[in-house]
Amino acid sequence: MDFLGKVEEITCDGRLIARCSSVPELGDHVFDRRQNKIGTIGKVFGPVDEPYVSVNVPKTNEMPVPKGTDLFYNKGRNQNGKGKGRNRRN
Protein backbone atom coordinates (compact mmCIF):
# COMPACT_ATOMS: atom_id res chain seq x y z
CA MET A 1 0.00 0.00 0.00
CA ASP A 2 1.15 3.50 -0.83
CA PHE A 3 0.61 6.67 1.17
CA LEU A 4 -2.18 8.81 -0.33
CA GLY A 5 -2.32 11.78 2.04
CA LYS A 6 -4.04 13.18 5.11
CA VAL A 7 -7.72 14.02 5.43
CA GLU A 8 -8.03 17.80 5.21
CA GLU A 9 -11.80 18.25 4.98
CA ILE A 10 -15.02 16.30 5.31
CA THR A 11 -17.83 17.53 3.07
CA CYS A 12 -21.46 17.83 4.13
CA ASP A 13 -22.36 14.73 2.10
CA GLY A 14 -19.66 12.62 3.80
CA ARG A 15 -16.85 12.67 1.24
CA LEU A 16 -13.27 13.02 2.41
CA ILE A 17 -10.92 15.54 0.77
CA ALA A 18 -7.19 14.84 0.96
CA ARG A 19 -4.12 16.41 -0.65
CA CYS A 20 -1.98 13.71 -2.25
CA SER A 21 1.63 13.52 -3.33
CA SER A 22 1.07 11.04 -6.18
CA VAL A 23 -1.95 10.72 -8.46
CA PRO A 24 -4.03 7.57 -7.86
CA GLU A 25 -6.41 5.96 -10.36
CA LEU A 26 -10.15 6.61 -10.14
CA GLY A 27 -11.87 3.77 -8.31
CA ASP A 28 -8.82 2.70 -6.26
CA HIS A 29 -9.67 1.51 -2.77
CA VAL A 30 -8.63 3.76 0.12
CA PHE A 31 -7.59 2.39 3.52
CA ASP A 32 -6.59 3.76 6.91
CA ARG A 33 -3.41 2.87 8.82
CA ARG A 34 -4.98 -0.37 10.14
CA GLN A 35 -5.89 -1.44 6.58
CA ASN A 36 -9.62 -0.91 7.12
CA LYS A 37 -11.34 0.03 3.87
CA ILE A 38 -12.55 3.63 4.01
CA GLY A 39 -13.92 4.11 0.48
CA THR A 40 -12.87 4.65 -3.13
CA ILE A 41 -11.28 7.48 -5.13
CA GLY A 42 -14.07 9.50 -6.77
CA LYS A 43 -12.36 12.58 -8.22
CA VAL A 44 -8.89 14.01 -8.67
CA PHE A 45 -8.76 17.81 -8.91
CA GLY A 46 -6.66 20.86 -8.18
CA PRO A 47 -3.08 21.80 -9.05
CA VAL A 48 -0.91 19.34 -10.97
CA ASP A 49 1.97 19.41 -8.44
CA GLU A 50 -0.09 18.40 -5.40
CA PRO A 51 -3.65 17.49 -6.42
CA TYR A 52 -6.59 16.85 -4.14
CA VAL A 53 -8.65 13.67 -4.17
CA SER A 54 -12.26 13.11 -3.19
CA VAL A 55 -12.88 9.80 -1.42
CA ASN A 56 -16.40 8.39 -1.69
CA VAL A 57 -17.34 6.84 1.65
CA PRO A 58 -20.22 4.31 1.67
CA LYS A 59 -23.31 5.29 3.65
CA THR A 60 -22.96 2.12 5.76
CA ASN A 61 -19.75 3.49 7.30
CA GLU A 62 -21.12 4.75 10.63
CA MET A 63 -17.89 6.10 12.12
CA PRO A 64 -16.57 9.13 10.22
CA VAL A 65 -12.83 9.44 9.78
CA PRO A 66 -11.43 12.45 11.69
CA LYS A 67 -9.37 15.18 10.04
CA GLY A 68 -5.66 14.45 9.96
CA THR A 69 -6.08 10.69 9.45
CA ASP A 70 -3.46 9.13 7.17
CA LEU A 71 -4.93 7.48 4.07
CA PHE A 72 -3.37 4.76 1.92
CA TYR A 73 -4.26 3.14 -1.42
CA ASN A 74 -3.25 0.17 -3.56
CA LYS A 75 -1.19 1.40 -6.49
CA GLY A 76 -1.61 -0.23 -9.89
CA ARG A 77 -4.65 -2.31 -8.99
CA ASN A 78 -6.52 -3.76 -11.96
CA GLN A 79 -10.19 -2.89 -11.43
CA ASN A 80 -11.90 -5.89 -12.95
CA GLY A 81 -9.06 -8.41 -13.08
CA LYS A 82 -9.29 -8.87 -16.83
CA GLY A 83 -6.50 -8.14 -19.25
CA LYS A 84 -6.90 -5.65 -22.09
CA GLY A 85 -6.58 -8.18 -24.91
CA ARG A 86 -8.44 -11.00 -23.25
CA ASN A 87 -10.73 -11.90 -26.18
CA ARG A 88 -8.37 -11.04 -29.00
CA ARG A 89 -6.93 -13.75 -31.18
CA ASN A 90 -3.45 -13.48 -32.70
PDB file of N, CA and C in Angstrom:
ATOM      1  N   MET A   1       0.837  -1.177   0.000  1.00  0.00           N
ATOM      2  CA  MET A   1       0.000   0.000   0.000  1.00  0.00           C
ATOM      3  C   MET A   1       0.881   1.239   0.000  1.00  0.00           C
ATOM      4  N   ASP A   2       0.426   2.243  -0.721  1.00  0.00           N
ATOM      5  CA  ASP A   2       1.154   3.502  -0.828  1.00  0.00           C
ATOM      6  C   ASP A   2       0.413   4.599  -0.083  1.00  0.00           C
ATOM      7  N   PHE A   3       1.184   5.556   0.425  1.00  0.00           N
ATOM      8  CA  PHE A   3       0.608   6.673   1.165  1.00  0.00           C
ATOM      9  C   PHE A   3      -0.130   7.584   0.196  1.00  0.00           C
ATOM     10  N   LEU A   4      -1.377   7.914   0.503  1.00  0.00           N
ATOM     11  CA  LEU A   4      -2.182   8.805  -0.325  1.00  0.00           C
ATOM     12  C   LEU A   4      -2.101  10.233   0.181  1.00  0.00           C
ATOM     13  N   GLY A   5      -2.344  10.442   1.460  1.00  0.00           N
ATOM     14  CA  GLY A   5      -2.321  11.777   2.040  1.00  0.00           C
ATOM     15  C   GLY A   5      -3.099  11.806   3.342  1.00  0.00           C
ATOM     16  N   LYS A   6      -3.292  13.005   3.866  1.00  0.00           N
ATOM     17  CA  LYS A   6      -4.041  13.182   5.110  1.00  0.00           C
ATOM     18  C   LYS A   6      -5.389  13.810   4.801  1.00  0.00           C
ATOM     19  N   VAL A   7      -6.389  13.434   5.582  1.00  0.00           N
ATOM     20  CA  VAL A   7      -7.723  14.016   5.428  1.00  0.00           C
ATOM     21  C   VAL A   7      -7.657  15.478   5.840  1.00  0.00           C
ATOM     22  N   GLU A   8      -8.032  16.368   4.914  1.00  0.00           N
ATOM     23  CA  GLU A   8      -8.027  17.801   5.211  1.00  0.00           C
ATOM     24  C   GLU A   8      -9.419  18.336   5.477  1.00  0.00           C
ATOM     25  N   GLU A   9     -10.417  17.793   4.802  1.00  0.00           N
ATOM     26  CA  GLU A   9     -11.798  18.254   4.976  1.00  0.00           C
ATOM     27  C   GLU A   9     -12.755  17.083   4.849  1.00  0.00           C
ATOM     28  N   ILE A  10     -13.929  17.246   5.465  1.00  0.00           N
ATOM     29  CA  ILE A  10     -15.025  16.295   5.313  1.00  0.00           C
ATOM     30  C   ILE A  10     -16.215  17.118   4.817  1.00  0.00           C
ATOM     31  N   THR A  11     -16.740  16.762   3.649  1.00  0.00           N
ATOM     32  CA  THR A  11     -17.831  17.531   3.067  1.00  0.00           C
ATOM     33  C   THR A  11     -19.147  17.213   3.770  1.00  0.00           C
ATOM     34  N   CYS A  12     -20.163  18.016   3.483  1.00  0.00           N
ATOM     35  CA  CYS A  12     -21.461  17.825   4.135  1.00  0.00           C
ATOM     36  C   CYS A  12     -22.135  16.525   3.699  1.00  0.00           C
ATOM     37  N   ASP A  13     -21.774  15.997   2.527  1.00  0.00           N
ATOM     38  CA  ASP A  13     -22.362  14.728   2.102  1.00  0.00           C
ATOM     39  C   ASP A  13     -21.485  13.526   2.452  1.00  0.00           C
ATOM     40  N   GLY A  14     -20.448  13.726   3.272  1.00  0.00           N
ATOM     41  CA  GLY A  14     -19.660  12.618   3.800  1.00  0.00           C
ATOM     42  C   GLY A  14     -18.424  12.236   3.025  1.00  0.00           C
ATOM     43  N   ARG A  15     -18.077  12.979   1.986  1.00  0.00           N
ATOM     44  CA  ARG A  15     -16.854  12.673   1.240  1.00  0.00           C
ATOM     45  C   ARG A  15     -15.648  13.240   1.973  1.00  0.00           C
ATOM     46  N   LEU A  16     -14.520  12.571   1.805  1.00  0.00           N
ATOM     47  CA  LEU A  16     -13.268  13.022   2.408  1.00  0.00           C
ATOM     48  C   LEU A  16     -12.435  13.704   1.336  1.00  0.00           C
ATOM     49  N   ILE A  17     -11.818  14.831   1.675  1.00  0.00           N
ATOM     50  CA  ILE A  17     -10.925  15.544   0.770  1.00  0.00           C
ATOM     51  C   ILE A  17      -9.518  15.456   1.344  1.00  0.00           C
ATOM     52  N   ALA A  18      -8.581  14.991   0.514  1.00  0.00           N
ATOM     53  CA  ALA A  18      -7.192  14.840   0.956  1.00  0.00           C
ATOM     54  C   ALA A  18      -6.264  15.371  -0.121  1.00  0.00           C
ATOM     55  N   ARG A  19      -5.160  15.977   0.293  1.00  0.00           N
ATOM     56  CA  ARG A  19      -4.122  16.407  -0.645  1.00  0.00           C
ATOM     57  C   ARG A  19      -3.156  15.235  -0.789  1.00  0.00           C
ATOM     58  N   CYS A  20      -2.839  14.883  -2.037  1.00  0.00           N
ATOM     59  CA  CYS A  20      -1.984  13.711  -2.250  1.00  0.00           C
ATOM     60  C   CYS A  20      -0.681  14.106  -2.934  1.00  0.00           C
ATOM     61  N   SER A  21       0.324  13.272  -2.732  1.00  0.00           N
ATOM     62  CA  SER A  21       1.629  13.520  -3.325  1.00  0.00           C
ATOM     63  C   SER A  21       1.785  12.819  -4.673  1.00  0.00           C
ATOM     64  N   SER A  22       1.073  11.724  -4.894  1.00  0.00           N
ATOM     65  CA  SER A  22       1.072  11.035  -6.179  1.00  0.00           C
ATOM     66  C   SER A  22      -0.375  10.858  -6.622  1.00  0.00           C
ATOM     67  N   VAL A  23      -0.588  10.771  -7.924  1.00  0.00           N
ATOM     68  CA  VAL A  23      -1.946  10.721  -8.457  1.00  0.00           C
ATOM     69  C   VAL A  23      -2.423   9.264  -8.530  1.00  0.00           C
ATOM     70  N   PRO A  24      -3.481   8.927  -7.795  1.00  0.00           N
ATOM     71  CA  PRO A  24      -4.033   7.573  -7.863  1.00  0.00           C
ATOM     72  C   PRO A  24      -5.005   7.439  -9.037  1.00  0.00           C
ATOM     73  N   GLU A  25      -5.416   6.219  -9.322  1.00  0.00           N
ATOM     74  CA  GLU A  25      -6.412   5.962 -10.357  1.00  0.00           C
ATOM     75  C   GLU A  25      -7.809   6.122  -9.771  1.00  0.00           C
ATOM     76  N   LEU A  26      -8.761   6.529 -10.586  1.00  0.00           N
ATOM     77  CA  LEU A  26     -10.149   6.607 -10.135  1.00  0.00           C
ATOM     78  C   LEU A  26     -10.642   5.200  -9.812  1.00  0.00           C
ATOM     79  N   GLY A  27     -11.324   5.061  -8.710  1.00  0.00           N
ATOM     80  CA  GLY A  27     -11.867   3.767  -8.309  1.00  0.00           C
ATOM     81  C   GLY A  27     -10.951   2.952  -7.415  1.00  0.00           C
ATOM     82  N   ASP A  28      -9.719   3.415  -7.169  1.00  0.00           N
ATOM     83  CA  ASP A  28      -8.824   2.696  -6.264  1.00  0.00           C
ATOM     84  C   ASP A  28      -9.402   2.697  -4.856  1.00  0.00           C
ATOM     85  N   HIS A  29      -9.186   1.607  -4.142  1.00  0.00           N
ATOM     86  CA  HIS A  29      -9.667   1.507  -2.766  1.00  0.00           C
ATOM     87  C   HIS A  29      -8.757   2.291  -1.832  1.00  0.00           C
ATOM     88  N   VAL A  30      -9.358   2.944  -0.844  1.00  0.00           N
ATOM     89  CA  VAL A  30      -8.631   3.764   0.125  1.00  0.00           C
ATOM     90  C   VAL A  30      -8.766   3.111   1.492  1.00  0.00           C
ATOM     91  N   PHE A  31      -7.648   3.048   2.227  1.00  0.00           N
ATOM     92  CA  PHE A  31      -7.585   2.391   3.521  1.00  0.00           C
ATOM     93  C   PHE A  31      -7.015   3.340   4.563  1.00  0.00           C
ATOM     94  N   ASP A  32      -7.239   3.014   5.830  1.00  0.00           N
ATOM     95  CA  ASP A  32      -6.586   3.756   6.908  1.00  0.00           C
ATOM     96  C   ASP A  32      -5.317   3.007   7.313  1.00  0.00           C
ATOM     97  N   ARG A  33      -4.674   3.456   8.376  1.00  0.00           N
ATOM     98  CA  ARG A  33      -3.411   2.871   8.819  1.00  0.00           C
ATOM     99  C   ARG A  33      -3.558   1.396   9.223  1.00  0.00           C
ATOM    100  N   ARG A  34      -4.736   1.016   9.712  1.00  0.00           N
ATOM    101  CA  ARG A  34      -4.981  -0.369  10.141  1.00  0.00           C
ATOM    102  C   ARG A  34      -5.498  -1.246   9.014  1.00  0.00           C
ATOM    103  N   GLN A  35      -5.450  -0.761   7.788  1.00  0.00           N
ATOM    104  CA  GLN A  35      -5.892  -1.444   6.582  1.00  0.00           C
ATOM    105  C   GLN A  35      -7.388  -1.723   6.574  1.00  0.00           C
ATOM    106  N   ASN A  36      -8.166  -0.854   7.215  1.00  0.00           N
ATOM    107  CA  ASN A  36      -9.618  -0.908   7.121  1.00  0.00           C
ATOM    108  C   ASN A  36     -10.032  -0.103   5.900  1.00  0.00           C
ATOM    109  N   LYS A  37     -10.906  -0.671   5.078  1.00  0.00           N
ATOM    110  CA  LYS A  37     -11.336   0.034   3.870  1.00  0.00           C
ATOM    111  C   LYS A  37     -12.210   1.217   4.253  1.00  0.00           C
ATOM    112  N   ILE A  38     -11.834   2.396   3.748  1.00  0.00           N
ATOM    113  CA  ILE A  38     -12.555   3.629   4.015  1.00  0.00           C
ATOM    114  C   ILE A  38     -13.536   3.920   2.887  1.00  0.00           C
ATOM    115  N   GLY A  39     -13.089   3.793   1.631  1.00  0.00           N
ATOM    116  CA  GLY A  39     -13.922   4.109   0.477  1.00  0.00           C
ATOM    117  C   GLY A  39     -13.132   3.960  -0.810  1.00  0.00           C
ATOM    118  N   THR A  40     -13.546   4.696  -1.842  1.00  0.00           N
ATOM    119  CA  THR A  40     -12.872   4.650  -3.135  1.00  0.00           C
ATOM    120  C   THR A  40     -12.602   6.063  -3.638  1.00  0.00           C
ATOM    121  N   ILE A  41     -11.625   6.194  -4.530  1.00  0.00           N
ATOM    122  CA  ILE A  41     -11.284   7.482  -5.131  1.00  0.00           C
ATOM    123  C   ILE A  41     -12.394   7.865  -6.102  1.00  0.00           C
ATOM    124  N   GLY A  42     -12.985   9.043  -5.909  1.00  0.00           N
ATOM    125  CA  GLY A  42     -14.069   9.499  -6.772  1.00  0.00           C
ATOM    126  C   GLY A  42     -13.618  10.533  -7.787  1.00  0.00           C
ATOM    127  N   LYS A  43     -12.828  11.509  -7.339  1.00  0.00           N
ATOM    128  CA  LYS A  43     -12.360  12.585  -8.222  1.00  0.00           C
ATOM    129  C   LYS A  43     -10.930  12.957  -7.857  1.00  0.00           C
ATOM    130  N   VAL A  44     -10.208  13.421  -8.867  1.00  0.00           N
ATOM    131  CA  VAL A  44      -8.886  14.007  -8.670  1.00  0.00           C
ATOM    132  C   VAL A  44      -8.970  15.417  -9.252  1.00  0.00           C
ATOM    133  N   PHE A  45      -8.620  16.426  -8.461  1.00  0.00           N
ATOM    134  CA  PHE A  45      -8.763  17.807  -8.913  1.00  0.00           C
ATOM    135  C   PHE A  45      -7.718  18.683  -8.256  1.00  0.00           C
ATOM    136  N   GLY A  46      -7.580  19.901  -8.762  1.00  0.00           N
ATOM    137  CA  GLY A  46      -6.663  20.863  -8.185  1.00  0.00           C
ATOM    138  C   GLY A  46      -5.378  20.994  -8.970  1.00  0.00           C
ATOM    139  N   PRO A  47      -4.340  21.569  -8.351  1.00  0.00           N
ATOM    140  CA  PRO A  47      -3.077  21.801  -9.054  1.00  0.00           C
ATOM    141  C   PRO A  47      -2.371  20.494  -9.414  1.00  0.00           C
ATOM    142  N   VAL A  48      -1.582  20.548 -10.474  1.00  0.00           N
ATOM    143  CA  VAL A  48      -0.905  19.344 -10.965  1.00  0.00           C
ATOM    144  C   VAL A  48       0.165  18.868  -9.988  1.00  0.00           C
ATOM    145  N   ASP A  49       0.872  19.783  -9.327  1.00  0.00           N
ATOM    146  CA  ASP A  49       1.971  19.412  -8.436  1.00  0.00           C
ATOM    147  C   ASP A  49       1.489  18.614  -7.222  1.00  0.00           C
ATOM    148  N   GLU A  50       0.464  19.079  -6.569  1.00  0.00           N
ATOM    149  CA  GLU A  50      -0.091  18.399  -5.402  1.00  0.00           C
ATOM    150  C   GLU A  50      -1.614  18.417  -5.496  1.00  0.00           C
ATOM    151  N   PRO A  51      -2.191  17.461  -6.223  1.00  0.00           N
ATOM    152  CA  PRO A  51      -3.646  17.487  -6.415  1.00  0.00           C
ATOM    153  C   PRO A  51      -4.403  17.051  -5.160  1.00  0.00           C
ATOM    154  N   TYR A  52      -5.681  17.316  -5.179  1.00  0.00           N
ATOM    155  CA  TYR A  52      -6.590  16.849  -4.142  1.00  0.00           C
ATOM    156  C   TYR A  52      -7.349  15.645  -4.679  1.00  0.00           C
ATOM    157  N   VAL A  53      -7.791  14.775  -3.787  1.00  0.00           N
ATOM    158  CA  VAL A  53      -8.649  13.666  -4.170  1.00  0.00           C
ATOM    159  C   VAL A  53      -9.907  13.707  -3.313  1.00  0.00           C
ATOM    160  N   SER A  54     -10.998  13.261  -3.904  1.00  0.00           N
ATOM    161  CA  SER A  54     -12.258  13.114  -3.193  1.00  0.00           C
ATOM    162  C   SER A  54     -12.474  11.620  -2.989  1.00  0.00           C
ATOM    163  N   VAL A  55     -12.681  11.213  -1.750  1.00  0.00           N
ATOM    164  CA  VAL A  55     -12.882   9.804  -1.418  1.00  0.00           C
ATOM    165  C   VAL A  55     -14.361   9.597  -1.119  1.00  0.00           C
ATOM    166  N   ASN A  56     -14.997   8.733  -1.909  1.00  0.00           N
ATOM    167  CA  ASN A  56     -16.399   8.394  -1.688  1.00  0.00           C
ATOM    168  C   ASN A  56     -16.484   7.362  -0.567  1.00  0.00           C
ATOM    169  N   VAL A  57     -17.181   7.720   0.498  1.00  0.00           N
ATOM    170  CA  VAL A  57     -17.338   6.838   1.652  1.00  0.00           C
ATOM    171  C   VAL A  57     -18.743   6.242   1.588  1.00  0.00           C
ATOM    172  N   PRO A  58     -18.876   4.906   1.709  1.00  0.00           N
ATOM    173  CA  PRO A  58     -20.219   4.312   1.667  1.00  0.00           C
ATOM    174  C   PRO A  58     -21.082   4.776   2.839  1.00  0.00           C
ATOM    175  N   LYS A  59     -22.369   4.832   2.609  1.00  0.00           N
ATOM    176  CA  LYS A  59     -23.312   5.288   3.647  1.00  0.00           C
ATOM    177  C   LYS A  59     -23.348   4.349   4.842  1.00  0.00           C
ATOM    178  N   THR A  60     -22.926   3.089   4.666  1.00  0.00           N
ATOM    179  CA  THR A  60     -22.955   2.121   5.762  1.00  0.00           C
ATOM    180  C   THR A  60     -21.840   2.364   6.767  1.00  0.00           C
ATOM    181  N   ASN A  61     -20.851   3.193   6.398  1.00  0.00           N
ATOM    182  CA  ASN A  61     -19.746   3.487   7.300  1.00  0.00           C
ATOM    183  C   ASN A  61     -20.251   4.465   8.371  1.00  0.00           C
ATOM    184  N   GLU A  62     -20.518   3.955   9.573  1.00  0.00           N
ATOM    185  CA  GLU A  62     -21.120   4.753  10.635  1.00  0.00           C
ATOM    186  C   GLU A  62     -20.132   5.712  11.291  1.00  0.00           C
ATOM    187  N   MET A  63     -18.884   5.299  11.418  1.00  0.00           N
ATOM    188  CA  MET A  63     -17.885   6.102  12.123  1.00  0.00           C
ATOM    189  C   MET A  63     -17.129   6.972  11.124  1.00  0.00           C
ATOM    190  N   PRO A  64     -17.316   8.280  11.154  1.00  0.00           N
ATOM    191  CA  PRO A  64     -16.568   9.125  10.222  1.00  0.00           C
ATOM    192  C   PRO A  64     -15.079   9.158  10.587  1.00  0.00           C
ATOM    193  N   VAL A  65     -14.270   9.356   9.580  1.00  0.00           N
ATOM    194  CA  VAL A  65     -12.826   9.438   9.783  1.00  0.00           C
ATOM    195  C   VAL A  65     -12.494  10.866  10.186  1.00  0.00           C
ATOM    196  N   PRO A  66     -11.749  11.082  11.271  1.00  0.00           N
ATOM    197  CA  PRO A  66     -11.432  12.450  11.692  1.00  0.00           C
ATOM    198  C   PRO A  66     -10.402  13.111  10.777  1.00  0.00           C
ATOM    199  N   LYS A  67     -10.369  14.436  10.803  1.00  0.00           N
ATOM    200  CA  LYS A  67      -9.369  15.183  10.044  1.00  0.00           C
ATOM    201  C   LYS A  67      -7.975  14.799  10.531  1.00  0.00           C
ATOM    202  N   GLY A  68      -7.031  14.779   9.617  1.00  0.00           N
ATOM    203  CA  GLY A  68      -5.661  14.446   9.964  1.00  0.00           C
ATOM    204  C   GLY A  68      -5.339  12.970   9.879  1.00  0.00           C
ATOM    205  N   THR A  69      -6.310  12.129   9.566  1.00  0.00           N
ATOM    206  CA  THR A  69      -6.079  10.691   9.448  1.00  0.00           C
ATOM    207  C   THR A  69      -5.258  10.400   8.196  1.00  0.00           C
ATOM    208  N   ASP A  70      -4.258   9.538   8.322  1.00  0.00           N
ATOM    209  CA  ASP A  70      -3.457   9.128   7.173  1.00  0.00           C
ATOM    210  C   ASP A  70      -4.265   8.151   6.321  1.00  0.00           C
ATOM    211  N   LEU A  71      -4.235   8.358   5.003  1.00  0.00           N
ATOM    212  CA  LEU A  71      -4.929   7.485   4.068  1.00  0.00           C
ATOM    213  C   LEU A  71      -3.925   6.802   3.163  1.00  0.00           C
ATOM    214  N   PHE A  72      -4.228   5.567   2.788  1.00  0.00           N
ATOM    215  CA  PHE A  72      -3.368   4.761   1.925  1.00  0.00           C
ATOM    216  C   PHE A  72      -4.213   4.174   0.800  1.00  0.00           C
ATOM    217  N   TYR A  73      -3.548   3.760  -0.296  1.00  0.00           N
ATOM    218  CA  TYR A  73      -4.264   3.138  -1.416  1.00  0.00           C
ATOM    219  C   TYR A  73      -3.372   2.097  -2.062  1.00  0.00           C
ATOM    220  N   ASN A  74      -4.001   1.178  -2.818  1.00  0.00           N
ATOM    221  CA  ASN A  74      -3.255   0.166  -3.558  1.00  0.00           C
ATOM    222  C   ASN A  74      -2.913   0.718  -4.925  1.00  0.00           C
ATOM    223  N   LYS A  75      -1.638   0.827  -5.226  1.00  0.00           N
ATOM    224  CA  LYS A  75      -1.186   1.397  -6.488  1.00  0.00           C
ATOM    225  C   LYS A  75      -1.172   0.318  -7.570  1.00  0.00           C
ATOM    226  N   GLY A  76      -1.672   0.674  -8.758  1.00  0.00           N
ATOM    227  CA  GLY A  76      -1.606  -0.235  -9.892  1.00  0.00           C
ATOM    228  C   GLY A  76      -2.581  -1.389  -9.827  1.00  0.00           C
ATOM    229  N   ARG A  77      -3.659  -1.238  -9.121  1.00  0.00           N
ATOM    230  CA  ARG A  77      -4.655  -2.305  -8.992  1.00  0.00           C
ATOM    231  C   ARG A  77      -5.475  -2.369 -10.277  1.00  0.00           C
ATOM    232  N   ASN A  78      -5.680  -3.577 -10.791  1.00  0.00           N
ATOM    233  CA  ASN A  78      -6.523  -3.765 -11.960  1.00  0.00           C
ATOM    234  C   ASN A  78      -7.966  -3.860 -11.490  1.00  0.00           C
ATOM    235  N   GLN A  79      -8.846  -3.003 -11.985  1.00  0.00           N
ATOM    236  CA  GLN A  79     -10.187  -2.892 -11.433  1.00  0.00           C
ATOM    237  C   GLN A  79     -11.037  -4.131 -11.607  1.00  0.00           C
ATOM    238  N   ASN A  80     -11.027  -4.752 -12.767  1.00  0.00           N
ATOM    239  CA  ASN A  80     -11.905  -5.889 -12.951  1.00  0.00           C
ATOM    240  C   ASN A  80     -11.157  -7.206 -13.108  1.00  0.00           C
ATOM    241  N   GLY A  81      -9.844  -7.190 -13.037  1.00  0.00           N
ATOM    242  CA  GLY A  81      -9.061  -8.409 -13.079  1.00  0.00           C
ATOM    243  C   GLY A  81      -8.928  -9.021 -14.453  1.00  0.00           C
ATOM    244  N   LYS A  82      -9.366  -8.342 -15.477  1.00  0.00           N
ATOM    245  CA  LYS A  82      -9.293  -8.874 -16.829  1.00  0.00           C
ATOM    246  C   LYS A  82      -8.262  -8.081 -17.622  1.00  0.00           C
ATOM    247  N   GLY A  83      -7.497  -8.779 -18.425  1.00  0.00           N
ATOM    248  CA  GLY A  83      -6.499  -8.136 -19.251  1.00  0.00           C
ATOM    249  C   GLY A  83      -7.130  -7.383 -20.413  1.00  0.00           C
ATOM    250  N   LYS A  84      -6.374  -6.483 -20.997  1.00  0.00           N
ATOM    251  CA  LYS A  84      -6.896  -5.652 -22.088  1.00  0.00           C
ATOM    252  C   LYS A  84      -7.248  -6.489 -23.309  1.00  0.00           C
ATOM    253  N   GLY A  85      -6.369  -7.396 -23.695  1.00  0.00           N
ATOM    254  CA  GLY A  85      -6.579  -8.181 -24.909  1.00  0.00           C
ATOM    255  C   GLY A  85      -7.107  -9.569 -24.635  1.00  0.00           C
ATOM    256  N   ARG A  86      -7.967  -9.696 -23.701  1.00  0.00           N
ATOM    257  CA  ARG A  86      -8.442 -11.000 -23.250  1.00  0.00           C
ATOM    258  C   ARG A  86      -9.139 -11.798 -24.347  1.00  0.00           C
ATOM    259  N   ASN A  87      -9.964 -11.167 -25.156  1.00  0.00           N
ATOM    260  CA  ASN A  87     -10.734 -11.895 -26.176  1.00  0.00           C
ATOM    261  C   ASN A  87     -10.142 -11.768 -27.581  1.00  0.00           C
ATOM    262  N   ARG A  88      -8.991 -11.210 -27.686  1.00  0.00           N
ATOM    263  CA  ARG A  88      -8.368 -11.044 -28.996  1.00  0.00           C
ATOM    264  C   ARG A  88      -7.634 -12.313 -29.396  1.00  0.00           C
ATOM    265  N   ARG A  89      -7.663 -12.589 -30.669  1.00  0.00           N
ATOM    266  CA  ARG A  89      -6.926 -13.751 -31.180  1.00  0.00           C
ATOM    267  C   ARG A  89      -5.777 -13.235 -32.049  1.00  0.00           C
ATOM    268  N   ASN A  90      -4.629 -13.891 -31.923  1.00  0.00           N
ATOM    269  CA  ASN A  90      -3.447 -13.482 -32.698  1.00  0.00           C
ATOM    270  C   ASN A  90      -3.385 -14.178 -34.013  1.00  0.00           C
TER     271      ASN A  90
END
